Structures are given as C-alpha cells and as structure tokens.
Amino acid sequence: DNQPGEQPKTKGELYPWHCCRLTKEPTEDPVVTPNGDVFDFETIAREIMKHGKCPITRDPLAFKDLTRIIIVKGKDGMPICPITRRTLDPNSNVICIRTSGRVYSTQMLENFDFGEEDDDDNRDPISNEPVHQADVITIQ
C-alpha cells in the first residue's frame, strides 16, 4: 500500500521488471496487469479489494485482469529466458504470454508473425499453445 500522503509510483520510475511496482521487492507470487505492471499477488489483491483500480494507472482493475506469471530462475537466482537460458536483464522489457504466464526475452517476438490474419500459427515455444497478438504483454 502507498503510505498516507505518498504519491503512487509512476511509469517514469524504473524498477527491475521482476519486482513489485508497489513494494519494489522481488515478487514471491508475481502477476502482471494488462498494461505490463508486475505486482506481488497479495499486494495488488489488497489494492483491488480496497479501490478496484490499478495503483499505477488508476484504471479499473479486477482479479480477472491479472495474469499469474512464471519466472524461471538460473542457478544465481536471476530470472532467465526458459528458451535461451540467458539471464533476462532486470532493467529491460520482457514479454509475458498471457495464456501460459511464461516470461521470455523480447527477442522471442521475432519468432511470431502477427500479420493481418492472426491465426493459430504462432505457438508458445514451451506449451505449444496458440499465441495471438492480444496474448502478448510487454512487461516494462
């Protein structure tokens, strides 16, 4: 929760993408909003129950809008791309596939072809589920 008199965090403030936007701590149970903000589930659940809004954008937010995300970690505890096994830069954008919750490097977007016909040709590289453009969330 924001402390009394404290302004909500804004998009201009940079935190590692795998940290909760409110607590600034690495998430234990991470979720992402449709606009790409990551929160610890318990933290954002309190905000939704109290205000029904995203504390960053002030847009309406409900539990159904949240996507639980899977962050694969390497031996050093840092987030890694489950395909390349390379460390994901904590200060760079990454993507989340809404249907699987997996987090990948933005380079994975190069593997998708979201042309005029958004068909089922694009697949999550691990689950093999279809991926549509609306399923890709950029985490900032």
C-alpha atoms as a PDB file:
ATOM      1  CA  ASP A   1       0.000   0.000   0.000  1.00  0.00           C
ATOM      2  CA  ASN A   2       1.073   3.558  -0.563  1.00  0.00           C
ATOM      3  CA  GLN A   3       1.739   5.327   2.711  1.00  0.00           C
ATOM      4  CA  PRO A   4      -0.606   8.207   3.613  1.00  0.00           C
ATOM      5  CA  GLY A   5       0.363  11.238   1.577  1.00  0.00           C
ATOM      6  CA  GLU A   6       2.662   9.197  -0.672  1.00  0.00           C
ATOM      7  CA  GLN A   7       2.067   9.511  -4.392  1.00  0.00           C
ATOM      8  CA  PRO A   8       1.603   6.280  -6.366  1.00  0.00           C
ATOM      9  CA  LYS A   9       4.583   5.080  -8.350  1.00  0.00           C
ATOM     10  CA  THR A  10       4.554   6.295 -11.930  1.00  0.00           C
ATOM     11  CA  LYS A  11       5.718   4.755 -15.178  1.00  0.00           C
ATOM     12  CA  GLY A  12       8.672   7.143 -15.086  1.00  0.00           C
ATOM     13  CA  GLU A  13      10.179   5.398 -12.062  1.00  0.00           C
ATOM     14  CA  LEU A  14      12.317   2.427 -13.033  1.00  0.00           C
ATOM     15  CA  TYR A  15      12.413  -0.775 -11.028  1.00  0.00           C
ATOM     16  CA  PRO A  16      13.607  -4.190 -12.174  1.00  0.00           C
ATOM     17  CA  TRP A  17      10.694  -5.754 -14.063  1.00  0.00           C
ATOM     18  CA  HIS A  18      10.561  -8.756 -11.698  1.00  0.00           C
ATOM     19  CA  CYS A  19       9.926  -6.525  -8.672  1.00  0.00           C
ATOM     20  CA  CYS A  20       6.522  -5.469  -7.383  1.00  0.00           C
ATOM     21  CA  ARG A  21       5.710  -1.942  -8.534  1.00  0.00           C
ATOM     22  CA  LEU A  22       4.470  -1.009  -5.043  1.00  0.00           C
ATOM     23  CA  THR A  23       6.857  -2.761  -2.663  1.00  0.00           C
ATOM     24  CA  LYS A  24       9.879  -2.538  -5.032  1.00  0.00           C
ATOM     25  CA  GLU A  25      10.852  -6.030  -3.803  1.00  0.00           C
ATOM     26  CA  PRO A  26      11.255  -9.176  -5.956  1.00  0.00           C
ATOM     27  CA  THR A  27       7.872 -10.855  -6.227  1.00  0.00           C
ATOM     28  CA  GLU A  28       7.064 -14.112  -4.469  1.00  0.00           C
ATOM     29  CA  ASP A  29       3.769 -14.665  -6.313  1.00  0.00           C
ATOM     30  CA  PRO A  30       4.025 -12.448  -9.411  1.00  0.00           C
ATOM     31  CA  VAL A  31       1.116 -11.246 -11.518  1.00  0.00           C
ATOM     32  CA  VAL A  32       1.030  -8.782 -14.392  1.00  0.00           C
ATOM     33  CA  THR A  33      -1.682  -6.310 -15.347  1.00  0.00           C
ATOM     34  CA  PRO A  34      -2.787  -5.814 -18.965  1.00  0.00           C
ATOM     35  CA  ASN A  35      -0.600  -2.689 -19.200  1.00  0.00           C
ATOM     36  CA  GLY A  36       2.527  -4.599 -18.129  1.00  0.00           C
ATOM     37  CA  ASP A  37       2.922  -3.683 -14.463  1.00  0.00           C
ATOM     38  CA  VAL A  38       4.143  -6.509 -12.214  1.00  0.00           C
ATOM     39  CA  PHE A  39       2.891  -6.868  -8.652  1.00  0.00           C
ATOM     40  CA  ASP A  40       3.092  -9.442  -5.919  1.00  0.00           C
ATOM     41  CA  PHE A  41      -0.386 -11.005  -5.876  1.00  0.00           C
ATOM     42  CA  GLU A  42      -1.044 -10.295  -2.210  1.00  0.00           C
ATOM     43  CA  THR A  43      -0.115  -6.627  -2.644  1.00  0.00           C
ATOM     44  CA  ILE A  44      -2.291  -5.995  -5.706  1.00  0.00           C
ATOM     45  CA  ALA A  45      -5.155  -8.068  -4.239  1.00  0.00           C
ATOM     46  CA  ARG A  46      -5.400  -5.606  -1.349  1.00  0.00           C
ATOM     47  CA  GLU A  47      -5.484  -2.694  -3.816  1.00  0.00           C
ATOM     48  CA  ILE A  48      -8.193  -4.333  -5.926  1.00  0.00           C
ATOM     49  CA  MET A  49     -10.345  -5.102  -2.883  1.00  0.00           C
ATOM     50  CA  LYS A  50      -9.943  -1.575  -1.471  1.00  0.00           C
ATOM     51  CA  HIS A  51     -10.103   0.541  -4.619  1.00  0.00           C
ATOM     52  CA  GLY A  52     -10.837  -1.621  -7.672  1.00  0.00           C
ATOM     53  CA  LYS A  53      -8.138   0.304  -9.563  1.00  0.00           C
ATOM     54  CA  CYS A  54      -4.554  -0.123 -10.642  1.00  0.00           C
ATOM     55  CA  PRO A  55      -2.470   1.986  -8.240  1.00  0.00           C
ATOM     56  CA  ILE A  56      -0.158   2.980 -11.102  1.00  0.00           C
ATOM     57  CA  THR A  57      -2.568   3.917 -13.903  1.00  0.00           C
ATOM     58  CA  ARG A  58      -5.726   4.424 -11.804  1.00  0.00           C
ATOM     59  CA  ASP A  59      -7.587   2.395 -14.448  1.00  0.00           C
ATOM     60  CA  PRO A  60     -10.265  -0.041 -13.235  1.00  0.00           C
ATOM     61  CA  LEU A  61      -8.685  -3.383 -12.321  1.00  0.00           C
ATOM     62  CA  ALA A  62     -10.280  -6.693 -11.345  1.00  0.00           C
ATOM     63  CA  PHE A  63      -8.854 -10.076 -10.417  1.00  0.00           C
ATOM     64  CA  LYS A  64      -9.826 -11.429 -13.852  1.00  0.00           C
ATOM     65  CA  ASP A  65      -7.469  -8.857 -15.428  1.00  0.00           C
ATOM     66  CA  LEU A  66      -4.396 -10.310 -13.719  1.00  0.00           C
ATOM     67  CA  THR A  67      -2.125 -12.918 -15.282  1.00  0.00           C
ATOM     68  CA  ARG A  68      -0.025 -15.077 -12.994  1.00  0.00           C
ATOM     69  CA  ILE A  69       3.468 -15.199 -14.414  1.00  0.00           C
ATOM     70  CA  ILE A  70       6.124 -17.875 -14.294  1.00  0.00           C
ATOM     71  CA  ILE A  71       9.619 -16.546 -13.785  1.00  0.00           C
ATOM     72  CA  VAL A  72      12.291 -19.168 -14.414  1.00  0.00           C
ATOM     73  CA  LYS A  73      15.438 -18.514 -12.388  1.00  0.00           C
ATOM     74  CA  GLY A  74      19.003 -19.588 -13.044  1.00  0.00           C
ATOM     75  CA  LYS A  75      21.447 -21.019 -10.522  1.00  0.00           C
ATOM     76  CA  ASP A  76      22.317 -17.487  -9.396  1.00  0.00           C
ATOM     77  CA  GLY A  77      18.636 -16.752  -8.670  1.00  0.00           C
ATOM     78  CA  MET A  78      18.330 -14.251 -11.521  1.00  0.00           C
ATOM     79  CA  PRO A  79      15.421 -14.511 -13.991  1.00  0.00           C
ATOM     80  CA  ILE A  80      16.318 -16.330 -17.215  1.00  0.00           C
ATOM     81  CA  CYS A  81      14.592 -16.900 -20.549  1.00  0.00           C
ATOM     82  CA  PRO A  82      13.380 -20.519 -20.474  1.00  0.00           C
ATOM     83  CA  ILE A  83      14.365 -20.970 -24.135  1.00  0.00           C
ATOM     84  CA  THR A  84      17.792 -19.335 -24.401  1.00  0.00           C
ATOM     85  CA  ARG A  85      18.646 -19.896 -20.700  1.00  0.00           C
ATOM     86  CA  ARG A  86      20.227 -16.432 -20.761  1.00  0.00           C
ATOM     87  CA  THR A  87      19.732 -14.015 -17.897  1.00  0.00           C
ATOM     88  CA  LEU A  88      16.906 -11.572 -18.539  1.00  0.00           C
ATOM     89  CA  ASP A  89      18.134  -8.040 -17.946  1.00  0.00           C
ATOM     90  CA  PRO A  90      16.161  -6.790 -14.938  1.00  0.00           C
ATOM     91  CA  ASN A  91      16.056  -3.281 -16.417  1.00  0.00           C
ATOM     92  CA  SER A  92      14.891  -4.251 -19.911  1.00  0.00           C
ATOM     93  CA  ASN A  93      11.460  -5.024 -21.255  1.00  0.00           C
ATOM     94  CA  VAL A  94      10.402  -8.655 -21.405  1.00  0.00           C
ATOM     95  CA  ILE A  95       7.221 -10.265 -22.676  1.00  0.00           C
ATOM     96  CA  CYS A  96       4.673 -12.478 -20.985  1.00  0.00           C
ATOM     97  CA  ILE A  97       2.396 -14.861 -22.866  1.00  0.00           C
ATOM     98  CA  ARG A  98      -0.982 -14.385 -21.177  1.00  0.00           C
ATOM     99  CA  THR A  99      -2.200 -17.935 -21.849  1.00  0.00           C
ATOM    100  CA  SER A 100       0.806 -19.690 -20.270  1.00  0.00           C
ATOM    101  CA  GLY A 101       2.140 -16.977 -17.953  1.00  0.00           C
ATOM    102  CA  ARG A 102       5.677 -17.626 -19.153  1.00  0.00           C
ATOM    103  CA  VAL A 103       8.143 -14.753 -19.364  1.00  0.00           C
ATOM    104  CA  TYR A 104      10.502 -14.534 -22.341  1.00  0.00           C
ATOM    105  CA  SER A 105      13.022 -12.078 -23.713  1.00  0.00           C
ATOM    106  CA  THR A 106      11.611  -9.578 -26.208  1.00  0.00           C
ATOM    107  CA  GLN A 107      13.684 -11.374 -28.858  1.00  0.00           C
ATOM    108  CA  MET A 108      11.019 -14.086 -28.781  1.00  0.00           C
ATOM    109  CA  LEU A 109       8.702 -11.646 -30.565  1.00  0.00           C
ATOM    110  CA  GLU A 110      10.855 -12.179 -33.658  1.00  0.00           C
ATOM    111  CA  ASN A 111       9.514 -15.745 -33.771  1.00  0.00           C
ATOM    112  CA  PHE A 112       5.914 -14.579 -34.045  1.00  0.00           C
ATOM    113  CA  ASP A 113       4.222 -13.382 -37.211  1.00  0.00           C
ATOM    114  CA  PHE A 114       1.192 -11.310 -36.299  1.00  0.00           C
ATOM    115  CA  GLY A 115       0.130 -10.427 -39.818  1.00  0.00           C
ATOM    116  CA  GLU A 116      -3.303  -9.381 -40.982  1.00  0.00           C
ATOM    117  CA  GLU A 117      -4.650 -12.826 -40.165  1.00  0.00           C
ATOM    118  CA  ASP A 118      -3.950 -13.537 -36.511  1.00  0.00           C
ATOM    119  CA  ASP A 119      -4.303 -17.313 -36.778  1.00  0.00           C
ATOM    120  CA  ASP A 120      -3.045 -20.214 -34.678  1.00  0.00           C
ATOM    121  CA  ASP A 121       0.351 -20.470 -36.453  1.00  0.00           C
ATOM    122  CA  ASN A 122       2.138 -18.680 -33.597  1.00  0.00           C
ATOM    123  CA  ARG A 123       2.841 -21.054 -30.714  1.00  0.00           C
ATOM    124  CA  ASP A 124       4.195 -20.724 -27.198  1.00  0.00           C
ATOM    125  CA  PRO A 125       7.611 -22.394 -27.554  1.00  0.00           C
ATOM    126  CA  ILE A 126       7.166 -24.481 -24.390  1.00  0.00           C
ATOM    127  CA  SER A 127       3.449 -25.263 -24.082  1.00  0.00           C
ATOM    128  CA  ASN A 128       2.799 -25.219 -27.854  1.00  0.00           C
ATOM    129  CA  GLU A 129      -0.453 -23.320 -27.184  1.00  0.00           C
ATOM    130  CA  PRO A 130      -1.579 -20.838 -29.848  1.00  0.00           C
ATOM    131  CA  VAL A 131      -0.410 -17.277 -29.215  1.00  0.00           C
ATOM    132  CA  HIS A 132      -2.366 -14.326 -30.584  1.00  0.00           C
ATOM    133  CA  GLN A 133      -1.182 -10.749 -30.522  1.00  0.00           C
ATOM    134  CA  ALA A 134      -3.617  -9.975 -27.691  1.00  0.00           C
ATOM    135  CA  ASP A 135      -1.902 -12.692 -25.614  1.00  0.00           C
ATOM    136  CA  VAL A 136       1.451 -10.871 -25.535  1.00  0.00           C
ATOM    137  CA  ILE A 137       2.010  -8.435 -22.666  1.00  0.00           C
ATOM    138  CA  THR A 138       5.135  -6.294 -22.639  1.00  0.00           C
ATOM    139  CA  ILE A 139       6.442  -6.060 -19.093  1.00  0.00           C
ATOM    140  CA  GLN A 140       8.214  -2.774 -18.554  1.00  0.00           C
END
